[in-house]
Amino acid sequence: MSKKGKKKPIFKRWWFWLIAIIIVVAVNSNGDETADTNKEENETAVETAEDKSKEKKEEPKTEDTEVEDDVPTEYKSALKKAESYAKSMNMSKSAIFDQLTSEHGEKFSEEAATYAMDNLEFDWKENALKKAESYSKSMHMSKQGIYDQLISESGEKFTEEEAQYAIDNLKTDFKKNALEKAKNYQETMSMSPEAIRDQLTSEHGEKFTQEEADYAIKNLDK
């Protein structure tokens, strides 16, 4: 068979390449449109999420505001007074309540005082410790004397747990406190050493230990 009788392969025909080019252009065009569509959808989704987030942040806290507005002025004043007593005078929770309601004190209603104490967040153990430190430094009291004063209904009215925390964390040389008390008795009341010793250890007196009292008497004239 002659060469003229052979057919050209299909990929060498001009119309084959024309069709191929048309198909490629069509596919690329559809791909770009799909990409643009997906991009627009993603951007819309992001914008919607951002809008919702902004709306959520901008929502006013109406419930909290309403609750605060519903609190009577007397209650708010009682709370401020309670905070002042706790911070400036290191008072106990019970003592503050009594001061708020006392006829000789702040004269708030029991409801207002109760609201104040229920909403006053404070470390009462630390207040007890500060009171204990004050009694030790200014009045040279014994460990037992300070404890009794902290829990006394006629004293500071701290709980036993709060008072014990104060005593356990009070860094004081009680022998020196006993000596200071002994000197005071000697100078102001001209008491004898033995009378001072008895006063220092008495349950109705200073309540120092025997060891602390002996130290005081031994060093009284030094």
Foldseek 3Di string as FASTA:
>chain_A
DDPVVDDDPPVPDPVVVVVVVVVVVVVVVVVVVVVVVVVVVVVVVVVVVVVVVVVVVPDDPVVVVVVVVPDDPLLVVLLVQLVCCCPVVLAALVVSLCQCCPPVHVNRDNVSSVSNSVPDDDDSLVSLLVQLQCCCVPVLAALVVSLCQCCDPVHRNHDNVSSVSNSVPHDDDSLVSLLVQLLCCCVVVVDDLVVSLCQCCDPVHRNHDNVSSVSNSVPNVD
